[in-house]
Structures are given as structure tokens and as C-alpha cells.
Amino acid sequence: DLGARAFSPGQTYVALSRIRALDGLHLSRPLQPNDIFV
């Protein structure tokens, strides 16, 4: 759950990389381009 948008670089990466496998991922809303930035 990233809220309205990810607010810091790497935040989305940290969240997604906690999960062992792709089928364990659930999103509160679809990811947007501005959620992923470095």
C-alpha cells in the first residue's frame, strides 16, 4: 500500500523485494510510473 504515491526513492523497490515470489504480491492499487523512481 503506497498510498497516493511513493514519496521517496527506492520505497517501491523495498516493498516489492520483501516478498519471496511474484504470486505472493497483492497491491492496494495499481502501480503508477511515478511510484518507481531512483
Full PDB file with SEQRES, HELIX, SHEET, SSBOND, CRYST1, ORIGX, SCALE, CONECT and MASTER records, all heavy atoms in Angstrom:
SEQRES   1 A   38  ASP LEU GLY ALA ARG ALA PHE SER PRO GLY GLN THR TYR          
SEQRES   2 A   38  VAL ALA LEU SER ARG ILE ARG ALA LEU ASP GLY LEU HIS          
SEQRES   3 A   38  LEU SER ARG PRO LEU GLN PRO ASN ASP ILE PHE VAL              
HELIX    1 AA1 GLN A   11  LEU A   16  1                                   6    
HELIX    2 AA2 LEU A   22  GLY A   24  5                                   3    
HELIX    3 AA3 PRO A   33  ASP A   35  5                                   3    
CRYST1    1.000    1.000    1.000  90.00  90.00  90.00 P 1           1          
ORIGX1      1.000000  0.000000  0.000000        0.00000                         
ORIGX2      0.000000  1.000000  0.000000        0.00000                         
ORIGX3      0.000000  0.000000  1.000000        0.00000                         
SCALE1      1.000000  0.000000  0.000000        0.00000                         
SCALE2      0.000000  1.000000  0.000000        0.00000                         
SCALE3      0.000000  0.000000  1.000000        0.00000                         
ATOM      1  N   ASP A   1       0.860  -1.186   0.000  1.00  0.00           N  
ATOM      2  CA  ASP A   1       0.000   0.000   0.000  1.00  0.00           C  
ATOM      3  C   ASP A   1       0.896   1.235   0.000  1.00  0.00           C  
ATOM      4  O   ASP A   1       1.446   1.623   1.026  1.00  0.00           O  
ATOM      5  CB  ASP A   1      -0.909  -0.010   1.233  1.00  0.00           C  
ATOM      6  CG  ASP A   1      -1.882   1.161   1.260  1.00  0.00           C  
ATOM      7  OD1 ASP A   1      -1.766   2.070   0.413  1.00  0.00           O  
ATOM      8  OD2 ASP A   1      -2.766   1.187   2.140  1.00  0.00           O  
ATOM      9  N   LEU A   2       1.030   1.871  -1.165  1.00  0.00           N  
ATOM     10  CA  LEU A   2       1.887   3.039  -1.307  1.00  0.00           C  
ATOM     11  C   LEU A   2       1.149   4.351  -1.085  1.00  0.00           C  
ATOM     12  O   LEU A   2       1.732   5.430  -1.265  1.00  0.00           O  
ATOM     13  CB  LEU A   2       2.527   3.047  -2.697  1.00  0.00           C  
ATOM     14  CG  LEU A   2       3.494   1.893  -2.992  1.00  0.00           C  
ATOM     15  CD1 LEU A   2       3.826   1.849  -4.478  1.00  0.00           C  
ATOM     16  CD2 LEU A   2       4.757   2.015  -2.164  1.00  0.00           C  
ATOM     17  N   GLY A   3      -0.119   4.265  -0.667  1.00  0.00           N  
ATOM     18  CA  GLY A   3      -0.895   5.480  -0.507  1.00  0.00           C  
ATOM     19  C   GLY A   3      -1.156   6.144  -1.851  1.00  0.00           C  
ATOM     20  O   GLY A   3      -1.294   5.479  -2.877  1.00  0.00           O  
ATOM     21  N   ALA A   4      -1.220   7.467  -1.862  1.00  0.00           N  
ATOM     22  CA  ALA A   4      -1.475   8.199  -3.107  1.00  0.00           C  
ATOM     23  C   ALA A   4      -0.341   8.011  -4.105  1.00  0.00           C  
ATOM     24  O   ALA A   4      -0.561   7.912  -5.311  1.00  0.00           O  
ATOM     25  CB  ALA A   4      -1.675   9.678  -2.812  1.00  0.00           C  
ATOM     26  N   ARG A   5       0.907   7.943  -3.597  1.00  0.00           N  
ATOM     27  CA  ARG A   5       2.083   7.690  -4.427  1.00  0.00           C  
ATOM     28  C   ARG A   5       3.277   7.415  -3.534  1.00  0.00           C  
ATOM     29  O   ARG A   5       3.292   7.779  -2.352  1.00  0.00           O  
ATOM     30  CB  ARG A   5       2.400   8.876  -5.348  1.00  0.00           C  
ATOM     31  CG  ARG A   5       2.699  10.180  -4.646  1.00  0.00           C  
ATOM     32  CD  ARG A   5       3.531  11.108  -5.512  1.00  0.00           C  
ATOM     33  NE  ARG A   5       4.886  10.578  -5.706  1.00  0.00           N  
ATOM     34  CZ  ARG A   5       5.810  11.117  -6.522  1.00  0.00           C  
ATOM     35  NH1 ARG A   5       5.504  12.172  -7.243  1.00  0.00           N  
ATOM     36  NH2 ARG A   5       7.024  10.596  -6.606  1.00  0.00           N  
ATOM     37  N   ALA A   6       4.279   6.751  -4.079  1.00  0.00           N  
ATOM     38  CA  ALA A   6       5.537   6.573  -3.354  1.00  0.00           C  
ATOM     39  C   ALA A   6       6.174   7.942  -3.164  1.00  0.00           C  
ATOM     40  O   ALA A   6       6.183   8.762  -4.083  1.00  0.00           O  
ATOM     41  CB  ALA A   6       6.468   5.645  -4.120  1.00  0.00           C  
ATOM     42  N   PHE A   7       6.696   8.215  -1.955  1.00  0.00           N  
ATOM     43  CA  PHE A   7       7.203   9.550  -1.688  1.00  0.00           C  
ATOM     44  C   PHE A   7       8.724   9.609  -1.511  1.00  0.00           C  
ATOM     45  O   PHE A   7       9.277  10.683  -1.283  1.00  0.00           O  
ATOM     46  CB  PHE A   7       6.523  10.167  -0.463  1.00  0.00           C  
ATOM     47  CG  PHE A   7       6.692   9.403   0.820  1.00  0.00           C  
ATOM     48  CD1 PHE A   7       7.832   9.541   1.594  1.00  0.00           C  
ATOM     49  CD2 PHE A   7       5.705   8.546   1.260  1.00  0.00           C  
ATOM     50  CE1 PHE A   7       7.981   8.844   2.770  1.00  0.00           C  
ATOM     51  CE2 PHE A   7       5.845   7.839   2.452  1.00  0.00           C  
ATOM     52  CZ  PHE A   7       6.991   7.995   3.200  1.00  0.00           C  
ATOM     53  N   SER A   8       9.403   8.473  -1.605  1.00  0.00           N  
ATOM     54  CA  SER A   8      10.856   8.514  -1.506  1.00  0.00           C  
ATOM     55  C   SER A   8      11.463   7.531  -2.501  1.00  0.00           C  
ATOM     56  O   SER A   8      10.869   6.492  -2.793  1.00  0.00           O  
ATOM     57  CB  SER A   8      11.325   8.191  -0.081  1.00  0.00           C  
ATOM     58  OG  SER A   8      10.996   6.873   0.280  1.00  0.00           O  
ATOM     59  N   PRO A   9      12.652   7.857  -3.022  1.00  0.00           N  
ATOM     60  CA  PRO A   9      13.309   6.940  -3.962  1.00  0.00           C  
ATOM     61  C   PRO A   9      13.541   5.572  -3.332  1.00  0.00           C  
ATOM     62  O   PRO A   9      13.922   5.471  -2.168  1.00  0.00           O  
ATOM     63  CB  PRO A   9      14.645   7.646  -4.257  1.00  0.00           C  
ATOM     64  CG  PRO A   9      14.436   9.070  -3.902  1.00  0.00           C  
ATOM     65  CD  PRO A   9      13.453   9.074  -2.782  1.00  0.00           C  
ATOM     66  N   GLY A  10      13.321   4.526  -4.078  1.00  0.00           N  
ATOM     67  CA  GLY A  10      13.585   3.186  -3.595  1.00  0.00           C  
ATOM     68  C   GLY A  10      12.500   2.575  -2.735  1.00  0.00           C  
ATOM     69  O   GLY A  10      12.562   1.398  -2.383  1.00  0.00           O  
ATOM     70  N   GLN A  11      11.473   3.368  -2.381  1.00  0.00           N  
ATOM     71  CA  GLN A  11      10.434   2.866  -1.485  1.00  0.00           C  
ATOM     72  C   GLN A  11       9.683   1.686  -2.104  1.00  0.00           C  
ATOM     73  O   GLN A  11       9.442   0.670  -1.434  1.00  0.00           O  
ATOM     74  CB  GLN A  11       9.460   3.996  -1.143  1.00  0.00           C  
ATOM     75  CG  GLN A  11       8.478   3.656  -0.027  1.00  0.00           C  
ATOM     76  CD  GLN A  11       7.626   4.856   0.332  1.00  0.00           C  
ATOM     77  OE1 GLN A  11       7.090   5.540  -0.533  1.00  0.00           O  
ATOM     78  NE2 GLN A  11       7.527   5.156   1.607  1.00  0.00           N  
ATOM     79  N   THR A  12       9.329   1.799  -3.360  1.00  0.00           N  
ATOM     80  CA  THR A  12       8.608   0.723  -4.035  1.00  0.00           C  
ATOM     81  C   THR A  12       9.489  -0.522  -4.153  1.00  0.00           C  
ATOM     82  O   THR A  12       9.018  -1.647  -3.977  1.00  0.00           O  
ATOM     83  CB  THR A  12       8.132   1.186  -5.418  1.00  0.00           C  
ATOM     84  OG1 THR A  12       7.289   2.343  -5.263  1.00  0.00           O  
ATOM     85  CG2 THR A  12       7.362   0.097  -6.139  1.00  0.00           C  
ATOM     86  N   TYR A  13      10.759  -0.324  -4.440  1.00  0.00           N  
ATOM     87  CA  TYR A  13      11.686  -1.449  -4.530  1.00  0.00           C  
ATOM     88  C   TYR A  13      11.787  -2.186  -3.195  1.00  0.00           C  
ATOM     89  O   TYR A  13      11.741  -3.417  -3.155  1.00  0.00           O  
ATOM     90  CB  TYR A  13      13.070  -0.965  -4.969  1.00  0.00           C  
ATOM     91  CG  TYR A  13      14.130  -2.044  -4.914  1.00  0.00           C  
ATOM     92  CD1 TYR A  13      14.059  -3.160  -5.738  1.00  0.00           C  
ATOM     93  CD2 TYR A  13      15.211  -1.945  -4.034  1.00  0.00           C  
ATOM     94  CE1 TYR A  13      15.033  -4.153  -5.689  1.00  0.00           C  
ATOM     95  CE2 TYR A  13      16.183  -2.932  -3.979  1.00  0.00           C  
ATOM     96  CZ  TYR A  13      16.088  -4.030  -4.801  1.00  0.00           C  
ATOM     97  OH  TYR A  13      17.053  -5.017  -4.739  1.00  0.00           O  
ATOM     98  N   VAL A  14      11.910  -1.441  -2.105  1.00  0.00           N  
ATOM     99  CA  VAL A  14      11.980  -2.070  -0.786  1.00  0.00           C  
ATOM    100  C   VAL A  14      10.742  -2.923  -0.537  1.00  0.00           C  
ATOM    101  O   VAL A  14      10.832  -4.075  -0.114  1.00  0.00           O  
ATOM    102  CB  VAL A  14      12.138  -1.016   0.326  1.00  0.00           C  
ATOM    103  CG1 VAL A  14      11.981  -1.659   1.705  1.00  0.00           C  
ATOM    104  CG2 VAL A  14      13.492  -0.336   0.222  1.00  0.00           C  
ATOM    105  N   ALA A  15       9.567  -2.351  -0.810  1.00  0.00           N  
ATOM    106  CA  ALA A  15       8.318  -3.060  -0.531  1.00  0.00           C  
ATOM    107  C   ALA A  15       8.206  -4.341  -1.365  1.00  0.00           C  
ATOM    108  O   ALA A  15       7.932  -5.424  -0.831  1.00  0.00           O  
ATOM    109  CB  ALA A  15       7.128  -2.149  -0.808  1.00  0.00           C  
ATOM    110  N   LEU A  16       8.430  -4.240  -2.658  1.00  0.00           N  
ATOM    111  CA  LEU A  16       8.269  -5.398  -3.536  1.00  0.00           C  
ATOM    112  C   LEU A  16       9.298  -6.478  -3.234  1.00  0.00           C  
ATOM    113  O   LEU A  16       9.001  -7.676  -3.300  1.00  0.00           O  
ATOM    114  CB  LEU A  16       8.381  -4.973  -5.003  1.00  0.00           C  
ATOM    115  CG  LEU A  16       7.318  -4.003  -5.533  1.00  0.00           C  
ATOM    116  CD1 LEU A  16       7.606  -3.662  -6.989  1.00  0.00           C  
ATOM    117  CD2 LEU A  16       5.914  -4.578  -5.397  1.00  0.00           C  
ATOM    118  N   SER A  17      10.512  -6.076  -2.873  1.00  0.00           N  
ATOM    119  CA  SER A  17      11.591  -7.046  -2.680  1.00  0.00           C  
ATOM    120  C   SER A  17      11.517  -7.778  -1.344  1.00  0.00           C  
ATOM    121  O   SER A  17      12.331  -8.659  -1.085  1.00  0.00           O  
ATOM    122  CB  SER A  17      12.955  -6.354  -2.823  1.00  0.00           C  
ATOM    123  OG  SER A  17      13.119  -5.342  -1.845  1.00  0.00           O  
ATOM    124  N   ARG A  18      10.541  -7.426  -0.499  1.00  0.00           N  
ATOM    125  CA  ARG A  18      10.346  -8.187   0.752  1.00  0.00           C  
ATOM    126  C   ARG A  18       9.682  -9.535   0.477  1.00  0.00           C  
ATOM    127  O   ARG A  18       9.725 -10.431   1.324  1.00  0.00           O  
ATOM    128  CB  ARG A  18       9.435  -7.424   1.727  1.00  0.00           C  
ATOM    129  CG  ARG A  18       9.863  -6.048   2.190  1.00  0.00           C  
ATOM    130  CD  ARG A  18      11.257  -6.063   2.755  1.00  0.00           C  
ATOM    131  NE  ARG A  18      12.186  -5.610   1.733  1.00  0.00           N  
ATOM    132  CZ  ARG A  18      13.495  -5.788   1.779  1.00  0.00           C  
ATOM    133  NH1 ARG A  18      14.006  -6.491   2.762  1.00  0.00           N  
ATOM    134  NH2 ARG A  18      14.296  -5.327   0.842  1.00  0.00           N  
ATOM    135  N   ILE A  19       9.048  -9.689  -0.662  1.00  0.00           N  
ATOM    136  CA  ILE A  19       8.174 -10.826  -0.948  1.00  0.00           C  
ATOM    137  C   ILE A  19       8.964 -11.900  -1.697  1.00  0.00           C  
ATOM    138  O   ILE A  19       9.728 -11.610  -2.611  1.00  0.00           O  
ATOM    139  CB  ILE A  19       6.954 -10.360  -1.773  1.00  0.00           C  
ATOM    140  CG1 ILE A  19       6.231  -9.235  -1.005  1.00  0.00           C  
ATOM    141  CG2 ILE A  19       6.002 -11.514  -2.041  1.00  0.00           C  
ATOM    142  CD1 ILE A  19       5.206  -8.495  -1.836  1.00  0.00           C  
ATOM    143  N   ARG A  20       8.775 -13.143  -1.280  1.00  0.00           N  
ATOM    144  CA  ARG A  20       9.558 -14.248  -1.845  1.00  0.00           C  
ATOM    145  C   ARG A  20       9.276 -14.515  -3.320  1.00  0.00           C  
ATOM    146  O   ARG A  20      10.176 -14.809  -4.100  1.00  0.00           O  
ATOM    147  CB  ARG A  20       9.271 -15.543  -1.067  1.00  0.00           C  
ATOM    148  CG  ARG A  20       9.822 -15.597   0.337  1.00  0.00           C  
ATOM    149  CD  ARG A  20       9.622 -16.981   0.919  1.00  0.00           C  
ATOM    150  NE  ARG A  20       9.949 -17.032   2.320  1.00  0.00           N  
ATOM    151  CZ  ARG A  20      11.176 -17.213   2.791  1.00  0.00           C  
ATOM    152  NH1 ARG A  20      12.188 -17.382   1.953  1.00  0.00           N  
ATOM    153  NH2 ARG A  20      11.394 -17.249   4.093  1.00  0.00           N  
ATOM    154  N   ALA A  21       8.004 -14.465  -3.683  1.00  0.00           N  
ATOM    155  CA  ALA A  21       7.617 -14.876  -5.035  1.00  0.00           C  
ATOM    156  C   ALA A  21       6.556 -13.941  -5.589  1.00  0.00           C  
ATOM    157  O   ALA A  21       5.817 -13.289  -4.835  1.00  0.00           O  
ATOM    158  CB  ALA A  21       7.096 -16.323  -5.025  1.00  0.00           C  
ATOM    159  N   LEU A  22       6.457 -13.893  -6.886  1.00  0.00           N  
ATOM    160  CA  LEU A  22       5.525 -12.985  -7.550  1.00  0.00           C  
ATOM    161  C   LEU A  22       4.083 -13.265  -7.157  1.00  0.00           C  
ATOM    162  O   LEU A  22       3.292 -12.325  -6.980  1.00  0.00           O  
ATOM    163  CB  LEU A  22       5.706 -13.095  -9.069  1.00  0.00           C  
ATOM    164  CG  LEU A  22       4.987 -12.072  -9.960  1.00  0.00           C  
ATOM    165  CD1 LEU A  22       5.340 -10.646  -9.556  1.00  0.00           C  
ATOM    166  CD2 LEU A  22       5.344 -12.323 -11.421  1.00  0.00           C  
ATOM    167  N   ASP A  23       3.719 -14.535  -6.995  1.00  0.00           N  
ATOM    168  CA  ASP A  23       2.330 -14.844  -6.657  1.00  0.00           C  
ATOM    169  C   ASP A  23       1.984 -14.502  -5.212  1.00  0.00           C  
ATOM    170  O   ASP A  23       0.841 -14.658  -4.798  1.00  0.00           O  
ATOM    171  CB  ASP A  23       1.993 -16.305  -6.967  1.00  0.00           C  
ATOM    172  CG  ASP A  23       2.760 -17.306  -6.108  1.00  0.00           C  
ATOM    173  OD1 ASP A  23       3.504 -16.892  -5.192  1.00  0.00           O  
ATOM    174  OD2 ASP A  23       2.625 -18.529  -6.356  1.00  0.00           O  
ATOM    175  N   GLY A  24       2.961 -14.015  -4.440  1.00  0.00           N  
ATOM    176  CA  GLY A  24       2.677 -13.538  -3.097  1.00  0.00           C  
ATOM    177  C   GLY A  24       2.404 -12.046  -3.027  1.00  0.00           C  
ATOM    178  O   GLY A  24       2.177 -11.498  -1.952  1.00  0.00           O  
ATOM    179  N   LEU A  25       2.402 -11.379  -4.196  1.00  0.00           N  
ATOM    180  CA  LEU A  25       2.209  -9.934  -4.255  1.00  0.00           C  
ATOM    181  C   LEU A  25       0.739  -9.573  -4.409  1.00  0.00           C  
ATOM    182  O   LEU A  25       0.037 -10.115  -5.272  1.00  0.00           O  
ATOM    183  CB  LEU A  25       3.004  -9.352  -5.430  1.00  0.00           C  
ATOM    184  CG  LEU A  25       2.732  -7.882  -5.772  1.00  0.00           C  
ATOM    185  CD1 LEU A  25       3.190  -6.966  -4.632  1.00  0.00           C  
ATOM    186  CD2 LEU A  25       3.425  -7.493  -7.076  1.00  0.00           C  
ATOM    187  N   HIS A  26       0.295  -8.630  -3.586  1.00  0.00           N  
ATOM    188  CA  HIS A  26      -1.036  -8.045  -3.714  1.00  0.00           C  
ATOM    189  C   HIS A  26      -0.884  -6.528  -3.602  1.00  0.00           C  
ATOM    190  O   HIS A  26      -0.136  -6.034  -2.759  1.00  0.00           O  
ATOM    191  CB  HIS A  26      -1.985  -8.573  -2.629  1.00  0.00           C  
ATOM    192  CG  HIS A  26      -2.084 -10.061  -2.606  1.00  0.00           C  
ATOM    193  ND1 HIS A  26      -2.967 -10.773  -3.385  1.00  0.00           N  
ATOM    194  CD2 HIS A  26      -1.368 -10.990  -1.912  1.00  0.00           C  
ATOM    195  CE1 HIS A  26      -2.816 -12.071  -3.155  1.00  0.00           C  
ATOM    196  NE2 HIS A  26      -1.852 -12.237  -2.270  1.00  0.00           N  
ATOM    197  N   LEU A  27      -1.566  -5.791  -4.449  1.00  0.00           N  
ATOM    198  CA  LEU A  27      -1.455  -4.343  -4.474  1.00  0.00           C  
ATOM    199  C   LEU A  27      -2.765  -3.698  -4.060  1.00  0.00           C  
ATOM    200  O   LEU A  27      -3.841  -4.125  -4.497  1.00  0.00           O  
ATOM    201  CB  LEU A  27      -1.073  -3.862  -5.879  1.00  0.00           C  
ATOM    202  CG  LEU A  27       0.302  -4.312  -6.414  1.00  0.00           C  
ATOM    203  CD1 LEU A  27       0.426  -3.976  -7.899  1.00  0.00           C  
ATOM    204  CD2 LEU A  27       1.423  -3.640  -5.626  1.00  0.00           C  
ATOM    205  N   SER A  28      -2.677  -2.660  -3.223  1.00  0.00           N  
ATOM    206  CA  SER A  28      -3.891  -1.942  -2.827  1.00  0.00           C  
ATOM    207  C   SER A  28      -4.441  -1.113  -3.983  1.00  0.00           C  
ATOM    208  O   SER A  28      -5.622  -0.787  -4.014  1.00  0.00           O  
ATOM    209  CB  SER A  28      -3.602  -1.034  -1.619  1.00  0.00           C  
ATOM    210  OG  SER A  28      -2.670  -0.017  -1.972  1.00  0.00           O  
ATOM    211  N   ARG A  29      -3.572  -0.768  -4.909  1.00  0.00           N  
ATOM    212  CA  ARG A  29      -3.945  -0.067  -6.144  1.00  0.00           C  
ATOM    213  C   ARG A  29      -2.886  -0.374  -7.182  1.00  0.00           C  
ATOM    214  O   ARG A  29      -1.765  -0.780  -6.843  1.00  0.00           O  
ATOM    215  CB  ARG A  29      -4.039   1.447  -5.918  1.00  0.00           C  
ATOM    216  CG  ARG A  29      -2.749   2.079  -5.490  1.00  0.00           C  
ATOM    217  CD  ARG A  29      -2.703   3.577  -5.713  1.00  0.00           C  
ATOM    218  NE  ARG A  29      -1.493   4.191  -5.209  1.00  0.00           N  
ATOM    219  CZ  ARG A  29      -0.324   4.197  -5.858  1.00  0.00           C  
ATOM    220  NH1 ARG A  29      -0.216   3.588  -7.042  1.00  0.00           N  
ATOM    221  NH2 ARG A  29       0.734   4.807  -5.337  1.00  0.00           N  
ATOM    222  N   PRO A  30      -3.181  -0.177  -8.468  1.00  0.00           N  
ATOM    223  CA  PRO A  30      -2.163  -0.429  -9.492  1.00  0.00           C  
ATOM    224  C   PRO A  30      -0.963   0.500  -9.331  1.00  0.00           C  
ATOM    225  O   PRO A  30      -1.104   1.661  -8.923  1.00  0.00           O  
ATOM    226  CB  PRO A  30      -2.901  -0.157 -10.807  1.00  0.00           C  
ATOM    227  CG  PRO A  30      -4.356  -0.301 -10.468  1.00  0.00           C  
ATOM    228  CD  PRO A  30      -4.499   0.153  -9.055  1.00  0.00           C  
ATOM    229  N   LEU A  31       0.209  -0.012  -9.635  1.00  0.00           N  
ATOM    230  CA  LEU A  31       1.403   0.815  -9.642  1.00  0.00           C  
ATOM    231  C   LEU A  31       1.342   1.817 -10.784  1.00  0.00           C  
ATOM    232  O   LEU A  31       0.892   1.503 -11.887  1.00  0.00           O  
ATOM    233  CB  LEU A  31       2.653  -0.052  -9.792  1.00  0.00           C  
ATOM    234  CG  LEU A  31       2.975  -1.023  -8.645  1.00  0.00           C  
ATOM    235  CD1 LEU A  31       4.173  -1.890  -9.015  1.00  0.00           C  
ATOM    236  CD2 LEU A  31       3.247  -0.261  -7.356  1.00  0.00           C  
ATOM    237  N   GLN A  32       1.823   3.048 -10.512  1.00  0.00           N  
ATOM    238  CA  GLN A  32       1.886   4.110 -11.500  1.00  0.00           C  
ATOM    239  C   GLN A  32       3.350   4.403 -11.829  1.00  0.00           C  
ATOM    240  O   GLN A  32       4.247   4.103 -11.019  1.00  0.00           O  
ATOM    241  CB  GLN A  32       1.200   5.379 -10.977  1.00  0.00           C  
ATOM    242  CG  GLN A  32      -0.249   5.182 -10.544  1.00  0.00           C  
ATOM    243  CD  GLN A  32      -1.155   4.813 -11.700  1.00  0.00           C  
ATOM    244  OE1 GLN A  32      -0.963   5.256 -12.829  1.00  0.00           O  
ATOM    245  NE2 GLN A  32      -2.151   3.981 -11.419  1.00  0.00           N  
ATOM    246  N   PRO A  33       3.623   4.987 -12.993  1.00  0.00           N  
ATOM    247  CA  PRO A  33       5.016   5.302 -13.341  1.00  0.00           C  
ATOM    248  C   PRO A  33       5.749   6.112 -12.286  1.00  0.00           C  
ATOM    249  O   PRO A  33       6.942   5.909 -12.046  1.00  0.00           O  
ATOM    250  CB  PRO A  33       4.875   6.076 -14.662  1.00  0.00           C  
ATOM    251  CG  PRO A  33       3.608   5.554 -15.262  1.00  0.00           C  
ATOM    252  CD  PRO A  33       2.690   5.297 -14.097  1.00  0.00           C  
ATOM    253  N   ASN A  34       5.023   7.068 -11.619  1.00  0.00           N  
ATOM    254  CA  ASN A  34       5.710   7.903 -10.633  1.00  0.00           C  
ATOM    255  C   ASN A  34       5.932   7.202  -9.295  1.00  0.00           C  
ATOM    256  O   ASN A  34       6.464   7.804  -8.357  1.00  0.00           O  
ATOM    257  CB  ASN A  34       4.970   9.227 -10.421  1.00  0.00           C  
ATOM    258  CG  ASN A  34       3.550   9.037  -9.919  1.00  0.00           C  
ATOM    259  OD1 ASN A  34       3.114   7.922  -9.642  1.00  0.00           O  
ATOM    260  ND2 ASN A  34       2.805  10.140  -9.815  1.00  0.00           N  
ATOM    261  N   ASP A  35       5.513   5.938  -9.173  1.00  0.00           N  
ATOM    262  CA  ASP A  35       5.815   5.163  -7.971  1.00  0.00           C  
ATOM    263  C   ASP A  35       7.225   4.591  -8.001  1.00  0.00           C  
ATOM    264  O   ASP A  35       7.742   4.156  -6.969  1.00  0.00           O  
ATOM    265  CB  ASP A  35       4.826   3.988  -7.808  1.00  0.00           C  
ATOM    266  CG  ASP A  35       3.424   4.442  -7.457  1.00  0.00           C  
ATOM    267  OD1 ASP A  35       3.295   5.392  -6.666  1.00  0.00           O  
ATOM    268  OD2 ASP A  35       2.461   3.838  -7.969  1.00  0.00           O  
ATOM    269  N   ILE A  36       7.831   4.551  -9.167  1.00  0.00           N  
ATOM    270  CA  ILE A  36       9.135   3.910  -9.326  1.00  0.00           C  
ATOM    271  C   ILE A  36      10.142   4.950  -9.795  1.00  0.00           C  
ATOM    272  O   ILE A  36      10.138   5.363 -10.957  1.00  0.00           O  
ATOM    273  CB  ILE A  36       9.048   2.736 -10.326  1.00  0.00           C  
ATOM    274  CG1 ILE A  36       8.038   1.698  -9.808  1.00  0.00           C  
ATOM    275  CG2 ILE A  36      10.419   2.103 -10.536  1.00  0.00           C  
ATOM    276  CD1 ILE A  36       7.712   0.608 -10.799  1.00  0.00           C  
ATOM    277  N   PHE A  37      10.972   5.425  -8.881  1.00  0.00           N  
ATOM    278  CA  PHE A  37      11.990   6.399  -9.250  1.00  0.00           C  
ATOM    279  C   PHE A  37      13.217   6.209  -8.370  1.00  0.00           C  
ATOM    280  O   PHE A  37      13.151   5.658  -7.268  1.00  0.00           O  
ATOM    281  CB  PHE A  37      11.458   7.838  -9.151  1.00  0.00           C  
ATOM    282  CG  PHE A  37      10.985   8.257  -7.780  1.00  0.00           C  
ATOM    283  CD1 PHE A  37      11.746   9.099  -6.991  1.00  0.00           C  
ATOM    284  CD2 PHE A  37       9.750   7.831  -7.287  1.00  0.00           C  
ATOM    285  CE1 PHE A  37      11.305   9.499  -5.736  1.00  0.00           C  
ATOM    286  CE2 PHE A  37       9.295   8.231  -6.035  1.00  0.00           C  
ATOM    287  CZ  PHE A  37      10.074   9.060  -5.261  1.00  0.00           C  
ATOM    288  N   VAL A  38      14.348   6.651  -8.884  1.00  0.00           N  
ATOM    289  CA  VAL A  38      15.642   6.442  -8.255  1.00  0.00           C  
ATOM    290  C   VAL A  38      16.354   7.782  -8.162  1.00  0.00           C  
ATOM    291  O   VAL A  38      16.241   8.625  -9.066  1.00  0.00           O  
ATOM    292  CB  VAL A  38      16.500   5.441  -9.069  1.00  0.00           C  
ATOM    293  CG1 VAL A  38      17.820   5.162  -8.364  1.00  0.00           C  
ATOM    294  CG2 VAL A  38      15.741   4.143  -9.306  1.00  0.00           C  
TER     295      VAL A  38                                                      
MASTER        0    0    0    3    0    0    0    6  294    1    0    3          
END                                                                             
